[in-house]
Amino acid sequence: MTRTREEVGDLLRQVDLFADLPGERVEWLAERAEQVELEDGELFVRRGLPARHWHVLLAGGVDWLLELDGTETVVNHMDAVNYMGMTTVMAGDDTLVNGVAVGPTEVLRYTEADLFELVREEPDVLREIVRQFRPNIARAEAITRQREKLAALGELSAGLAHEINNPAAAARRAAEELGRRVDVLRGGLGGAAALGV
């Protein structure tokens, strides 16, 4: 569904980052937007590629997936209406996460040139972007630390199981041998001769 510029502007006003912008700046953002519709599960931001666009989530949701130890983990979930990807674009970094639509999703796509003009003309936007991003960094770091702890615990468990298993296996073999000898002895003297007694 293609939204009118006025509808896009009204939705942009719902984003905290843009709520206090002058009307002409919101209109400018509405004009610059590329409207994109996504299906449930559709990948629209790919990890490892240069970040050249940022987005505003108008409807639906997005899961941000980070690969940790070969497993994709949801590190953040966003619902509409929200902005995404500005800090990565500003840093000129490659994208660290995959962005996947949750349900039918609508986003506005903007270029890095749009972002640089926006923060140059509206310095409060830059301050808010930096302030909002701090919790995301802390959350990603916490998930990484938790994964590292789990990996270390797994190694410790494997080593402990090995140490426990060796004596346990020896005790099991001794018990089996003892049982075999008892069975032979119960068989009489012929059995004792078989044991070398």
Foldseek 3Di string as FASTA:
>chain_A
DDDDLVVQLVQQCVEPLCVPPDPVVSSVVSVQWDKDKDAAFDWDADFPAWDFKKKFWAAFKKFWWAQDPNDTDGLDIDGPGYIDDLVSLVVRHTHRTIITTHHITMMIIHGSVSSVVVCVVPVVSVVVVVVVCVVSVVSVVVVNVVSVVVVVVVVVVVVVCVVVVVVVVVVVVVVVVVVVLVVLVVVDPVSVVVVVD
